[in-house]
Protein backbone atom coordinates (compact mmCIF):
# COMPACT_ATOMS: atom_id res chain seq x y z
CA MET A 1 27.48 1.63 14.78
CA SER A 2 23.81 2.05 13.98
CA PRO A 3 22.13 -1.20 12.87
CA ILE A 4 20.74 0.65 9.84
CA GLN A 5 22.12 3.31 7.52
CA VAL A 6 19.81 5.33 5.27
CA SER A 7 20.70 7.79 2.52
CA LYS A 8 18.57 9.55 -0.07
CA LEU A 9 19.49 8.51 -3.61
CA HIS A 10 16.96 10.33 -5.78
CA ALA A 11 13.90 12.57 -5.76
CA PHE A 12 11.60 11.85 -8.70
CA THR A 13 9.50 14.86 -9.72
CA GLY A 14 6.94 15.33 -12.47
CA HIS A 15 3.56 14.95 -10.81
CA ASN A 16 1.59 18.19 -10.58
CA ASP A 17 -0.33 17.23 -7.46
CA CYS A 18 -0.05 14.93 -4.42
CA VAL A 19 1.38 11.48 -5.18
CA TYR A 20 -1.04 9.04 -3.55
CA THR A 21 -0.03 5.58 -4.64
CA LEU A 22 2.77 3.33 -5.89
CA ALA A 23 2.79 -0.07 -7.57
CA SER A 24 5.48 -2.58 -8.44
CA SER A 25 6.02 -4.30 -11.80
CA VAL A 26 7.50 -7.49 -13.23
CA SER A 27 10.93 -5.83 -13.07
CA ASP A 28 12.65 -5.14 -9.74
CA SER A 29 13.69 -1.66 -10.89
CA VAL A 30 10.46 -0.51 -12.57
CA PHE A 31 7.53 0.90 -10.63
CA PHE A 32 4.47 3.09 -11.18
CA SER A 33 2.90 6.07 -9.44
CA GLY A 34 -0.52 7.70 -9.42
CA GLY A 35 -1.61 11.05 -8.06
CA GLY A 36 -4.10 13.82 -7.65
CA ASP A 37 -3.28 15.03 -11.17
CA GLY A 38 -4.77 11.82 -12.63
CA MET A 39 -1.43 10.82 -14.11
CA VAL A 40 -0.13 7.25 -14.04
CA VAL A 41 3.64 7.33 -14.51
CA LYS A 42 6.27 4.63 -15.06
CA TRP A 43 9.67 5.05 -13.40
CA ASP A 44 12.91 3.06 -13.54
CA LEU A 45 15.34 3.09 -10.61
CA THR A 46 18.23 2.61 -13.05
CA GLN A 47 17.25 5.80 -14.91
CA PRO A 48 16.56 8.37 -12.18
CA ASN A 49 13.81 10.89 -12.73
CA GLN A 50 13.00 9.89 -16.30
CA GLY A 51 9.30 9.37 -15.82
CA GLU A 52 7.16 8.01 -18.63
CA LEU A 53 3.47 8.90 -18.77
CA ILE A 54 1.31 5.77 -19.10
CA ALA A 55 -2.15 7.33 -18.79
CA ARG A 56 -3.82 10.58 -17.87
CA LEU A 57 -7.19 10.20 -16.15
CA PRO A 58 -9.59 13.09 -15.40
CA ASN A 59 -9.71 12.51 -11.63
CA SER A 60 -7.36 11.58 -8.79
CA VAL A 61 -5.79 8.12 -8.69
CA TYR A 62 -5.68 6.88 -5.09
CA ALA A 63 -5.30 3.19 -5.97
CA LEU A 64 -2.94 1.50 -8.39
CA HIS A 65 -2.31 -2.24 -8.60
CA HIS A 66 0.00 -4.28 -10.81
CA ASP A 67 -1.64 -7.58 -11.70
CA LYS A 68 1.13 -10.14 -12.08
CA LYS A 69 -1.09 -12.63 -13.86
CA SER A 70 -1.97 -10.35 -16.77
CA ASN A 71 0.95 -7.87 -16.41
CA LEU A 72 -1.63 -5.08 -16.56
CA LEU A 73 -1.95 -2.05 -14.32
CA ILE A 74 -5.33 -1.50 -12.67
CA ALA A 75 -5.99 2.13 -11.78
CA GLY A 76 -8.74 3.25 -9.45
CA HIS A 77 -10.22 6.36 -11.04
CA ASN A 78 -12.03 8.40 -8.43
CA TYR A 79 -15.79 8.79 -8.98
CA GLU A 80 -15.69 6.48 -11.96
CA GLY A 81 -14.28 2.99 -11.67
CA ILE A 82 -11.30 0.91 -12.66
CA HIS A 83 -9.15 1.17 -15.78
CA LEU A 84 -7.00 -1.70 -17.04
CA LEU A 85 -3.84 -0.35 -18.61
CA ASP A 86 -1.32 -2.09 -20.86
CA TRP A 87 1.61 -0.08 -19.53
CA GLN A 88 4.00 -1.30 -22.22
CA LEU A 89 1.76 -0.10 -25.07
CA LYS A 90 0.37 2.84 -23.03
CA GLN A 91 -3.14 1.75 -23.92
CA GLU A 92 -6.32 1.22 -21.96
CA VAL A 93 -7.56 -2.31 -22.59
CA GLY A 94 -10.64 -2.30 -20.37
CA SER A 95 -12.67 -0.24 -17.92
CA LEU A 96 -15.65 -0.67 -15.64
CA LYS A 97 -17.83 1.97 -14.00
CA LEU A 98 -18.19 0.91 -10.36
CA THR A 99 -19.02 3.73 -8.02
CA SER A 100 -19.56 7.45 -7.66
CA ALA A 101 -17.34 7.39 -4.56
CA ALA A 102 -13.58 7.32 -4.15
CA ILE A 103 -11.63 4.11 -4.81
CA PHE A 104 -9.05 3.58 -2.08
CA ASP A 105 -7.47 0.19 -2.79
CA ILE A 106 -7.34 -2.65 -5.33
CA VAL A 107 -6.03 -6.21 -5.02
CA THR A 108 -6.36 -9.30 -7.22
CA THR A 109 -6.83 -13.01 -6.63
CA GLU A 110 -6.61 -15.82 -9.16
CA ASP A 111 -10.16 -15.12 -10.36
CA ASP A 112 -11.22 -11.72 -9.05
CA ILE A 113 -10.40 -8.03 -8.69
CA LEU A 114 -11.32 -6.64 -5.26
CA VAL A 115 -11.99 -2.91 -4.98
CA ALA A 116 -12.37 -0.94 -1.72
CA THR A 117 -14.58 2.15 -2.00
CA GLY A 118 -15.62 5.28 -0.15
CA GLU A 119 -19.14 3.90 0.18
CA GLY A 120 -17.89 1.28 2.64
CA MET A 121 -18.12 -1.39 -0.05
CA ILE A 122 -15.84 -4.11 -1.30
CA ILE A 123 -16.76 -4.73 -4.93
CA ILE A 124 -15.82 -8.12 -6.38
CA VAL A 125 -15.16 -8.05 -10.14
CA ASP A 126 -14.64 -11.10 -12.36
CA ARG A 127 -11.23 -10.46 -13.86
CA ASN A 128 -11.95 -12.39 -17.06
CA ASP A 129 -15.01 -10.52 -18.29
CA LEU A 130 -14.96 -7.39 -16.07
CA ARG A 131 -18.33 -8.25 -14.58
CA ILE A 132 -19.41 -7.22 -11.10
CA LYS A 133 -19.93 -10.50 -9.23
CA MET A 134 -20.78 -9.19 -5.79
CA LYS A 135 -20.92 -6.10 -3.59
CA LEU A 136 -20.15 -6.40 0.11
CA ALA A 137 -21.45 -3.49 2.16
CA PRO A 138 -20.58 -4.16 5.82
CA SER A 139 -20.14 -0.48 6.72
CA GLU A 140 -21.30 2.98 5.71
CA LYS A 141 -17.79 4.31 6.32
CA ASN A 142 -14.89 4.14 3.86
CA ALA A 143 -13.28 0.80 3.05
CA ARG A 144 -9.65 2.00 2.97
CA ILE A 145 -7.24 -0.89 2.65
CA LEU A 146 -7.19 -4.56 1.56
CA ALA A 147 -4.73 -7.31 2.52
CA ILE A 148 -4.80 -10.88 1.20
CA ASN A 149 -3.66 -13.93 3.15
CA PRO A 150 -3.23 -16.84 0.70
CA LYS A 151 -2.35 -19.25 3.49
CA VAL A 152 -5.84 -19.16 5.01
CA ASP A 153 -7.74 -17.79 1.97
CA GLU A 154 -8.80 -14.58 3.68
CA VAL A 155 -8.91 -10.90 2.84
CA ALA A 156 -8.69 -8.35 5.65
CA VAL A 157 -10.26 -4.94 5.13
CA GLY A 158 -9.61 -1.78 7.15
CA PHE A 159 -12.49 0.66 7.51
CA SER A 160 -13.01 4.26 8.62
CA ASP A 161 -15.41 3.04 11.31
CA ASN A 162 -12.24 1.83 13.14
CA PHE A 163 -13.01 -1.83 12.39
CA ILE A 164 -11.10 -4.56 10.62
CA ARG A 165 -13.30 -7.12 8.88
CA VAL A 166 -12.00 -10.40 7.52
CA PHE A 167 -13.75 -12.27 4.70
CA SER A 168 -13.29 -15.72 3.22
CA LEU A 169 -11.88 -15.63 -0.31
CA ARG A 170 -13.85 -18.78 -1.13
CA ASP A 171 -17.34 -17.32 -0.73
CA TYR A 172 -16.72 -13.78 0.61
CA LYS A 173 -18.60 -14.55 3.82
CA LEU A 174 -17.66 -12.44 6.83
CA LYS A 175 -15.48 -14.47 9.23
CA TYR A 176 -14.30 -11.89 11.78
CA GLU A 177 -15.01 -8.28 12.64
CA PHE A 178 -13.53 -6.30 15.49
CA LYS A 179 -12.90 -2.73 16.55
CA ALA A 180 -9.18 -2.45 15.89
CA HIS A 181 -8.32 1.20 16.56
CA GLU A 182 -9.62 4.46 17.94
CA ASN A 183 -9.76 5.93 14.45
CA SER A 184 -9.78 4.92 10.76
CA VAL A 185 -7.71 1.90 9.73
CA PHE A 186 -5.54 3.10 6.83
CA ALA A 187 -2.75 0.48 6.72
CA LEU A 188 -2.82 -3.33 6.73
CA SER A 189 -0.30 -6.01 5.86
CA TYR A 190 0.07 -9.67 6.68
CA THR A 191 3.52 -10.74 7.81
CA PRO A 192 5.46 -12.73 5.18
CA ASP A 193 4.68 -16.02 6.98
CA ASN A 194 0.96 -15.02 6.95
CA ASN A 195 0.63 -15.82 10.66
CA PHE A 196 0.05 -12.22 11.79
CA LEU A 197 -1.67 -9.07 10.56
CA ILE A 198 -0.22 -5.62 11.24
CA SER A 199 -2.56 -2.63 11.20
CA GLY A 200 -1.88 1.10 11.23
CA SER A 201 -4.43 3.79 11.92
CA ARG A 202 -5.28 7.44 11.95
CA ASP A 203 -4.78 7.08 15.72
CA ALA A 204 -1.01 6.75 14.94
CA HIS A 205 -0.77 3.30 16.55
CA LEU A 206 0.46 0.02 15.11
CA LYS A 207 -1.17 -3.21 16.26
CA LEU A 208 -0.32 -6.86 15.71
CA TRP A 209 -3.04 -9.53 15.39
CA ASP A 210 -2.61 -13.31 15.60
CA VAL A 211 -4.28 -14.88 12.56
CA ASN A 212 -4.29 -18.36 14.10
CA SER A 213 -6.02 -17.19 17.29
CA ALA A 214 -9.04 -15.53 15.64
CA TYR A 215 -7.09 -12.27 15.28
CA ARG A 216 -6.32 -11.82 18.96
CA GLN A 217 -4.26 -8.68 19.58
CA VAL A 218 -0.70 -9.52 20.63
CA ASN A 219 1.15 -6.19 20.42
CA GLU A 220 0.64 -2.44 20.16
CA VAL A 221 3.02 0.45 19.55
CA ALA A 222 2.44 4.22 19.60
CA ALA A 223 4.31 4.57 16.33
CA HIS A 224 3.85 8.08 14.91
CA LEU A 225 2.64 11.56 15.84
CA PHE A 226 -0.18 11.53 13.28
CA ALA A 227 -2.00 9.07 11.01
CA ILE A 228 -0.18 6.02 9.65
CA ASN A 229 -0.99 6.00 5.93
CA HIS A 230 0.77 2.84 4.77
CA LEU A 231 3.14 0.05 5.73
CA THR A 232 5.27 -2.32 3.69
CA PHE A 233 7.66 -5.19 4.37
CA SER A 234 11.27 -5.44 3.21
CA PRO A 235 12.07 -8.09 0.59
CA SER A 236 13.68 -10.23 3.31
CA GLY A 237 10.62 -9.96 5.55
CA GLU A 238 12.79 -9.05 8.53
CA TYR A 239 11.80 -5.39 8.53
CA PHE A 240 8.86 -3.18 7.69
CA ALA A 241 8.45 0.54 7.07
CA THR A 242 5.59 2.89 7.92
CA ALA A 243 4.56 6.15 6.23
CA SER A 244 2.78 8.88 8.15
CA MET A 245 0.96 12.16 7.94
CA ASP A 246 3.66 13.40 10.35
CA LYS A 247 5.97 13.64 7.27
CA SER A 248 8.20 10.76 8.36
CA VAL A 249 9.02 7.23 7.27
CA LYS A 250 9.99 4.81 10.04
CA VAL A 251 11.80 1.48 9.73
CA TRP A 252 11.02 -1.32 12.19
CA LEU A 253 12.41 -4.72 13.16
CA ALA A 254 9.42 -6.92 12.37
CA SER A 255 10.00 -9.66 14.98
CA GLU A 256 9.85 -7.18 17.88
CA MET A 257 8.02 -4.20 16.28
CA LYS A 258 11.11 -2.26 17.39
CA LEU A 259 11.87 1.14 15.87
CA LEU A 260 15.24 1.22 14.09
CA LYS A 261 15.27 4.44 12.09
CA VAL A 262 13.31 7.65 11.50
CA ILE A 263 13.61 9.12 8.01
CA ASP A 264 12.52 12.76 8.00
CA LYS A 265 13.27 16.17 6.54
CA ALA A 266 15.60 17.33 9.30
CA ARG A 267 17.87 14.28 9.28
CA HIS A 268 17.64 12.88 5.77
CA ALA A 269 16.19 15.59 3.50
CA GLY A 270 12.91 13.71 3.66
CA HIS A 271 9.44 14.84 2.67
CA GLY A 272 7.96 18.19 3.66
CA THR A 273 4.37 16.98 3.90
CA SER A 274 2.39 13.79 4.47
CA VAL A 275 3.98 10.54 3.24
CA ASN A 276 1.22 8.53 1.58
CA LYS A 277 2.65 5.30 0.19
CA LEU A 278 5.73 3.08 0.31
CA LEU A 279 7.28 0.42 -1.90
CA TRP A 280 10.26 -1.63 -0.71
CA THR A 281 11.89 -3.05 -3.82
CA ASN A 282 14.15 -5.96 -4.66
CA HIS A 283 16.35 -3.53 -6.57
CA GLN A 284 19.33 -3.14 -4.20
CA ASN A 285 16.86 -3.08 -1.29
CA GLN A 286 15.80 0.46 -2.23
CA LEU A 287 12.78 1.93 -0.43
CA ILE A 288 10.45 4.31 -2.29
CA SER A 289 8.16 6.87 -0.66
CA ALA A 290 5.44 9.05 -2.20
CA SER A 291 4.18 12.28 -0.68
CA ASP A 292 1.73 15.15 -0.76
CA ASP A 293 4.76 17.30 -1.67
CA ARG A 294 4.39 15.94 -5.25
CA SER A 295 7.69 14.07 -5.09
CA ILE A 296 8.82 10.45 -4.88
CA SER A 297 11.96 9.75 -2.83
CA VAL A 298 14.27 6.76 -3.25
CA TRP A 299 16.18 5.58 -0.18
CA ASP A 300 19.25 3.39 0.07
CA VAL A 301 18.69 1.22 3.16
CA ARG A 302 21.61 -0.78 4.51
CA PHE A 303 21.63 -3.00 7.58
CA ALA A 304 24.79 -3.70 9.56
CA GLN A 305 26.07 -7.24 9.17
CA PRO A 306 26.34 -9.19 12.44
CA ASN A 307 29.87 -9.74 13.71
CA LEU A 308 30.96 -13.22 12.74
CA PRO A 309 32.99 -15.32 15.20
CA ALA A 310 36.72 -15.51 14.49
C-alpha cells in the first residue's frame, strides 16, 4: 500500500485570470485567493466553490497575507502598494503607496509589515501607523519570497540574483548572504522546529540549510522539471509540498526530503498549467493549490497509519 493517498475533492473557479496567491484565515476552513484579475476572494472548504468577492483591485495581486494580530488581509497591489482589507466587512481600512514595481511577498511581525518588491527591496512598514520605517536594498534583482524564523529573530529573503540574504528582525542588519541556487530563489520556508531553511528555485532544485551552522547546506534534491514556485509544510510538520511550473504538486517526507507523491493532470486530474501557490490546511488535512489555469484545486491527502504491534 502506498504511504500516501491523494484524491481531488473540489475545483474552485471564478477568477478570470491566473491565480497567484493564497492566504489562510482565523478559521481552518476559510482561505483567500488573489490573482491577475485583481480580485481578492474568500472561500470556505465546507461550502465548495461558493466564492465571495472581498475586493477588486485594478492590477494583479501576487501577494496576499492574513495578519493574525489584526485579523486583516494585506494585499500587495502591483505597481501601487499595500491595501489593508477588513474581509468580514469587505472594506478597505488602509493603504500605502510603496513602489512602482511588483510586490511579490508580504509577512508581518509583532510591530512591522515586511514587503518584498521587484526593485530588489524589502520595505519595512510600521503596522500601527502605516509609515515606511526603512528600505533595504541589497540587490537590484527581484526580492521574491520572505520567511520568518521567530526562534532566532531572523527573516530570510530569496532573490532573483540567486542569493538568499538573512536579516536580523531586531535591527534589520544583514547577517548572512550566500549564493543559494543557479537561478532565482522563488520558495523559502523554515522547518517547523526553525532549525533548518528549505529553498526552492527556478533551477528546479530544493536545498536544505542548517540555521545553527550559519546556513551551511546539508541537502539538495533535483525536485522538479521546471521552476519551484512555492513550498508549504503540513500541519503536523512531518511533510511538505512543492508547487512547480511543470504543472505538478509534489509531496515530500520532510525528515529525509524524500518524494512520496506526484499530483499531476495525468494521474489526479491536476492542473493544466503552472502551479503557483499552496496552502496546507488544518481542515481535514486538505491541501489547496492555485494555478495559472485560473482554478484552485482542493486535495484530500491521507497517510497510511503504521502497523501497530499485536
